[in-house]
Amino acid sequence: MCRNIKMLFNFDPPVTDAEVRNASLQFVRKISGFNKPSKANEAAFQAAVDGVAAVSTQLLAALETHAPPRNREEEAAKAKARGANRFRPETA
């Protein structure tokens, strides 16, 4: 799965429409292989982004959990630490 697609469920504050749309765009880019589609494919590409965003919004609204909502800042800090660890230069 594309690393740029972020988990959107169970956050405080809740996910925004823009975040769902951005994740949908990343998903469609990944499966289509297009970063920016040609004019001939633009309508199909945008329709796919709209469809994925709509289904994603429905999914997020239907999901339930008993876990407390995650804090966005804490999750961002954890992701940044994981990234720093992953890309840390190796020492000999």
N, C-alpha and C. Protein backbone atom coordinates (compact mmCIF):
# COMPACT_ATOMS: atom_id res chain seq x y z
N MET A 1 0.86 -1.18 0.00
CA MET A 1 0.00 0.00 0.00
C MET A 1 0.89 1.23 0.00
N CYS A 2 0.38 2.27 -0.55
CA CYS A 2 1.12 3.53 -0.66
C CYS A 2 1.35 4.12 0.73
N ARG A 3 2.57 4.48 1.03
CA ARG A 3 2.87 5.05 2.34
C ARG A 3 2.26 6.42 2.55
N ASN A 4 1.90 7.11 1.47
CA ASN A 4 1.35 8.45 1.60
C ASN A 4 -0.12 8.45 2.01
N ILE A 5 -0.76 7.30 1.96
CA ILE A 5 -2.16 7.22 2.38
C ILE A 5 -2.18 7.04 3.88
N LYS A 6 -2.78 7.98 4.57
CA LYS A 6 -2.79 7.97 6.03
C LYS A 6 -4.05 7.31 6.56
N MET A 7 -3.92 6.68 7.72
CA MET A 7 -5.09 6.14 8.40
C MET A 7 -5.97 7.31 8.83
N LEU A 8 -7.27 7.19 8.62
CA LEU A 8 -8.17 8.32 8.87
C LEU A 8 -9.21 8.02 9.94
N PHE A 9 -9.28 6.81 10.43
CA PHE A 9 -10.33 6.44 11.38
C PHE A 9 -9.94 6.69 12.82
N ASN A 10 -10.89 7.14 13.60
CA ASN A 10 -10.80 7.28 15.05
C ASN A 10 -9.77 8.32 15.49
N PHE A 11 -9.90 9.51 14.96
CA PHE A 11 -9.05 10.63 15.37
C PHE A 11 -9.89 11.72 16.02
N ASP A 12 -9.25 12.47 16.87
CA ASP A 12 -9.86 13.65 17.48
C ASP A 12 -8.96 14.83 17.18
N PRO A 13 -9.39 15.83 16.44
CA PRO A 13 -10.70 15.99 15.81
C PRO A 13 -10.88 15.02 14.63
N PRO A 14 -12.14 14.76 14.28
CA PRO A 14 -12.43 13.80 13.20
C PRO A 14 -11.83 14.23 11.86
N VAL A 15 -11.75 13.27 10.98
CA VAL A 15 -11.20 13.48 9.64
C VAL A 15 -12.04 14.53 8.89
N THR A 16 -11.37 15.29 8.03
CA THR A 16 -12.07 16.29 7.21
C THR A 16 -12.31 15.72 5.82
N ASP A 17 -13.22 16.35 5.09
CA ASP A 17 -13.48 15.95 3.69
C ASP A 17 -12.21 16.10 2.84
N ALA A 18 -11.42 17.12 3.12
CA ALA A 18 -10.18 17.33 2.37
C ALA A 18 -9.20 16.19 2.60
N GLU A 19 -9.11 15.69 3.81
CA GLU A 19 -8.20 14.57 4.10
C GLU A 19 -8.65 13.29 3.40
N VAL A 20 -9.97 13.06 3.38
CA VAL A 20 -10.50 11.89 2.67
C VAL A 20 -10.21 12.03 1.18
N ARG A 21 -10.42 13.22 0.64
CA ARG A 21 -10.18 13.45 -0.79
C ARG A 21 -8.69 13.25 -1.12
N ASN A 22 -7.79 13.78 -0.29
CA ASN A 22 -6.35 13.61 -0.53
C ASN A 22 -5.94 12.15 -0.51
N ALA A 23 -6.47 11.38 0.44
CA ALA A 23 -6.15 9.95 0.50
C ALA A 23 -6.71 9.24 -0.73
N SER A 24 -7.89 9.64 -1.17
CA SER A 24 -8.51 9.04 -2.36
C SER A 24 -7.69 9.35 -3.60
N LEU A 25 -7.20 10.57 -3.70
CA LEU A 25 -6.36 10.96 -4.82
C LEU A 25 -5.08 10.12 -4.84
N GLN A 26 -4.46 9.94 -3.68
CA GLN A 26 -3.24 9.13 -3.60
C GLN A 26 -3.51 7.69 -4.02
N PHE A 27 -4.66 7.16 -3.59
CA PHE A 27 -5.02 5.79 -3.94
C PHE A 27 -5.20 5.63 -5.45
N VAL A 28 -5.94 6.55 -6.05
CA VAL A 28 -6.19 6.48 -7.50
C VAL A 28 -4.88 6.68 -8.27
N ARG A 29 -4.02 7.57 -7.81
CA ARG A 29 -2.71 7.75 -8.45
C ARG A 29 -1.93 6.45 -8.40
N LYS A 30 -1.96 5.78 -7.26
CA LYS A 30 -1.18 4.55 -7.09
C LYS A 30 -1.69 3.46 -8.02
N ILE A 31 -3.01 3.22 -8.04
CA ILE A 31 -3.50 2.11 -8.84
C ILE A 31 -3.52 2.40 -10.33
N SER A 32 -3.62 3.69 -10.70
CA SER A 32 -3.64 4.03 -12.12
C SER A 32 -2.23 4.19 -12.70
N GLY A 33 -1.28 4.54 -11.84
CA GLY A 33 0.06 4.79 -12.32
C GLY A 33 0.25 6.20 -12.86
N PHE A 34 -0.78 7.02 -12.76
CA PHE A 34 -0.72 8.41 -13.23
C PHE A 34 -0.60 9.36 -12.05
N ASN A 35 0.36 10.26 -12.11
CA ASN A 35 0.40 11.34 -11.13
C ASN A 35 -0.57 12.43 -11.56
N LYS A 36 -0.56 12.71 -12.85
CA LYS A 36 -1.50 13.65 -13.45
C LYS A 36 -1.94 13.02 -14.77
N PRO A 37 -3.23 12.71 -14.89
CA PRO A 37 -3.69 12.02 -16.10
C PRO A 37 -3.70 12.93 -17.32
N SER A 38 -3.67 12.32 -18.49
CA SER A 38 -3.79 13.08 -19.73
C SER A 38 -5.20 13.62 -19.85
N LYS A 39 -5.40 14.52 -20.77
CA LYS A 39 -6.75 15.09 -21.01
C LYS A 39 -7.74 13.97 -21.32
N ALA A 40 -7.30 12.95 -22.08
CA ALA A 40 -8.18 11.85 -22.45
C ALA A 40 -8.63 11.03 -21.24
N ASN A 41 -7.80 10.97 -20.21
CA ASN A 41 -8.10 10.17 -19.02
C ASN A 41 -8.57 10.99 -17.82
N GLU A 42 -8.57 12.30 -17.96
CA GLU A 42 -8.86 13.16 -16.81
C GLU A 42 -10.25 12.93 -16.22
N ALA A 43 -11.27 12.79 -17.05
CA ALA A 43 -12.63 12.59 -16.55
C ALA A 43 -12.75 11.28 -15.78
N ALA A 44 -12.20 10.21 -16.32
CA ALA A 44 -12.24 8.92 -15.64
C ALA A 44 -11.47 8.96 -14.33
N PHE A 45 -10.32 9.64 -14.35
CA PHE A 45 -9.48 9.77 -13.16
C PHE A 45 -10.24 10.52 -12.06
N GLN A 46 -10.84 11.65 -12.39
CA GLN A 46 -11.58 12.44 -11.40
C GLN A 46 -12.81 11.70 -10.89
N ALA A 47 -13.48 10.97 -11.79
CA ALA A 47 -14.64 10.17 -11.37
C ALA A 47 -14.21 9.10 -10.37
N ALA A 48 -13.04 8.50 -10.61
CA ALA A 48 -12.52 7.49 -9.69
C ALA A 48 -12.20 8.11 -8.33
N VAL A 49 -11.57 9.28 -8.32
CA VAL A 49 -11.25 9.96 -7.06
C VAL A 49 -12.55 10.27 -6.30
N ASP A 50 -13.55 10.79 -7.01
CA ASP A 50 -14.84 11.10 -6.38
C ASP A 50 -15.48 9.85 -5.79
N GLY A 51 -15.44 8.75 -6.56
CA GLY A 51 -16.04 7.50 -6.09
C GLY A 51 -15.34 6.94 -4.87
N VAL A 52 -14.01 6.93 -4.91
CA VAL A 52 -13.25 6.42 -3.76
C VAL A 52 -13.50 7.30 -2.54
N ALA A 53 -13.56 8.60 -2.72
CA ALA A 53 -13.82 9.51 -1.60
C ALA A 53 -15.20 9.26 -1.00
N ALA A 54 -16.20 9.06 -1.86
CA ALA A 54 -17.56 8.82 -1.37
C ALA A 54 -17.64 7.51 -0.58
N VAL A 55 -17.05 6.46 -1.12
CA VAL A 55 -17.07 5.16 -0.44
C VAL A 55 -16.27 5.23 0.86
N SER A 56 -15.16 5.93 0.84
CA SER A 56 -14.34 6.07 2.04
C SER A 56 -15.09 6.81 3.13
N THR A 57 -15.81 7.86 2.76
CA THR A 57 -16.60 8.61 3.73
C THR A 57 -17.68 7.72 4.34
N GLN A 58 -18.35 6.92 3.51
CA GLN A 58 -19.36 5.98 4.01
C GLN A 58 -18.74 4.97 4.97
N LEU A 59 -17.58 4.45 4.60
CA LEU A 59 -16.90 3.48 5.45
C LEU A 59 -16.55 4.09 6.81
N LEU A 60 -15.95 5.26 6.79
CA LEU A 60 -15.56 5.90 8.04
C LEU A 60 -16.76 6.19 8.94
N ALA A 61 -17.89 6.53 8.34
CA ALA A 61 -19.10 6.81 9.11
C ALA A 61 -19.69 5.54 9.71
N ALA A 62 -19.48 4.41 9.05
CA ALA A 62 -20.07 3.15 9.50
C ALA A 62 -19.22 2.41 10.53
N LEU A 63 -17.92 2.69 10.57
CA LEU A 63 -17.03 1.98 11.49
C LEU A 63 -17.32 2.35 12.94
N GLU A 64 -17.13 1.36 13.82
CA GLU A 64 -17.32 1.58 15.26
C GLU A 64 -16.09 1.06 15.99
N THR A 65 -15.80 1.68 17.12
CA THR A 65 -14.70 1.21 17.97
C THR A 65 -14.98 1.60 19.40
N HIS A 66 -14.39 0.85 20.32
CA HIS A 66 -14.46 1.18 21.74
C HIS A 66 -13.17 1.84 22.20
N ALA A 67 -12.20 1.90 21.30
CA ALA A 67 -10.91 2.51 21.63
C ALA A 67 -11.06 4.02 21.70
N PRO A 68 -10.31 4.66 22.56
CA PRO A 68 -10.37 6.13 22.61
C PRO A 68 -9.78 6.72 21.33
N PRO A 69 -10.27 7.89 20.93
CA PRO A 69 -9.73 8.52 19.72
C PRO A 69 -8.25 8.84 19.87
N ARG A 70 -7.53 8.71 18.76
CA ARG A 70 -6.10 9.03 18.75
C ARG A 70 -5.91 10.53 18.57
N ASN A 71 -4.84 11.02 19.16
CA ASN A 71 -4.49 12.43 19.04
C ASN A 71 -3.63 12.61 17.80
N ARG A 72 -4.01 13.56 16.94
CA ARG A 72 -3.30 13.77 15.68
C ARG A 72 -1.84 14.15 15.89
N GLU A 73 -1.57 15.01 16.84
CA GLU A 73 -0.21 15.47 17.07
C GLU A 73 0.68 14.33 17.56
N GLU A 74 0.14 13.50 18.46
CA GLU A 74 0.92 12.36 18.96
C GLU A 74 1.22 11.37 17.84
N GLU A 75 0.24 11.09 17.00
CA GLU A 75 0.44 10.16 15.89
C GLU A 75 1.43 10.72 14.87
N ALA A 76 1.38 12.02 14.63
CA ALA A 76 2.33 12.65 13.70
C ALA A 76 3.75 12.57 14.26
N ALA A 77 3.90 12.77 15.57
CA ALA A 77 5.21 12.69 16.19
C ALA A 77 5.76 11.26 16.11
N LYS A 78 4.89 10.26 16.32
CA LYS A 78 5.33 8.86 16.21
C LYS A 78 5.78 8.56 14.78
N ALA A 79 5.01 9.03 13.80
CA ALA A 79 5.36 8.78 12.39
C ALA A 79 6.68 9.45 12.04
N LYS A 80 6.89 10.65 12.55
CA LYS A 80 8.14 11.36 12.28
C LYS A 80 9.33 10.61 12.90
N ALA A 81 9.14 10.09 14.09
CA ALA A 81 10.21 9.32 14.74
C ALA A 81 10.51 8.04 13.97
N ARG A 82 9.46 7.36 13.49
CA ARG A 82 9.67 6.15 12.69
C ARG A 82 10.43 6.49 11.40
N GLY A 83 10.08 7.59 10.78
CA GLY A 83 10.75 8.01 9.56
C GLY A 83 12.21 8.35 9.81
N ALA A 84 12.47 9.04 10.90
CA ALA A 84 13.85 9.39 11.24
C ALA A 84 14.68 8.14 11.48
N ASN A 85 14.07 7.16 12.13
CA ASN A 85 14.75 5.89 12.38
C ASN A 85 15.00 5.14 11.08
N ARG A 86 14.03 5.13 10.20
CA ARG A 86 14.12 4.39 8.94
C ARG A 86 15.20 4.95 8.05
N PHE A 87 15.34 6.27 8.02
CA PHE A 87 16.26 6.91 7.11
C PHE A 87 17.54 7.41 7.77
N ARG A 88 17.77 6.94 8.97
CA ARG A 88 18.98 7.30 9.71
C ARG A 88 20.19 6.70 9.01
N PRO A 89 21.24 7.46 8.79
CA PRO A 89 22.44 6.90 8.15
C PRO A 89 23.05 5.84 9.04
N GLU A 90 23.50 4.76 8.41
CA GLU A 90 24.14 3.69 9.17
C GLU A 90 25.58 4.07 9.50
N THR A 91 26.01 3.70 10.68
CA THR A 91 27.40 3.97 11.09
C THR A 91 28.17 2.67 10.99
N ALA A 92 29.41 2.76 10.65
CA ALA A 92 30.23 1.56 10.46
C ALA A 92 30.82 1.06 11.73
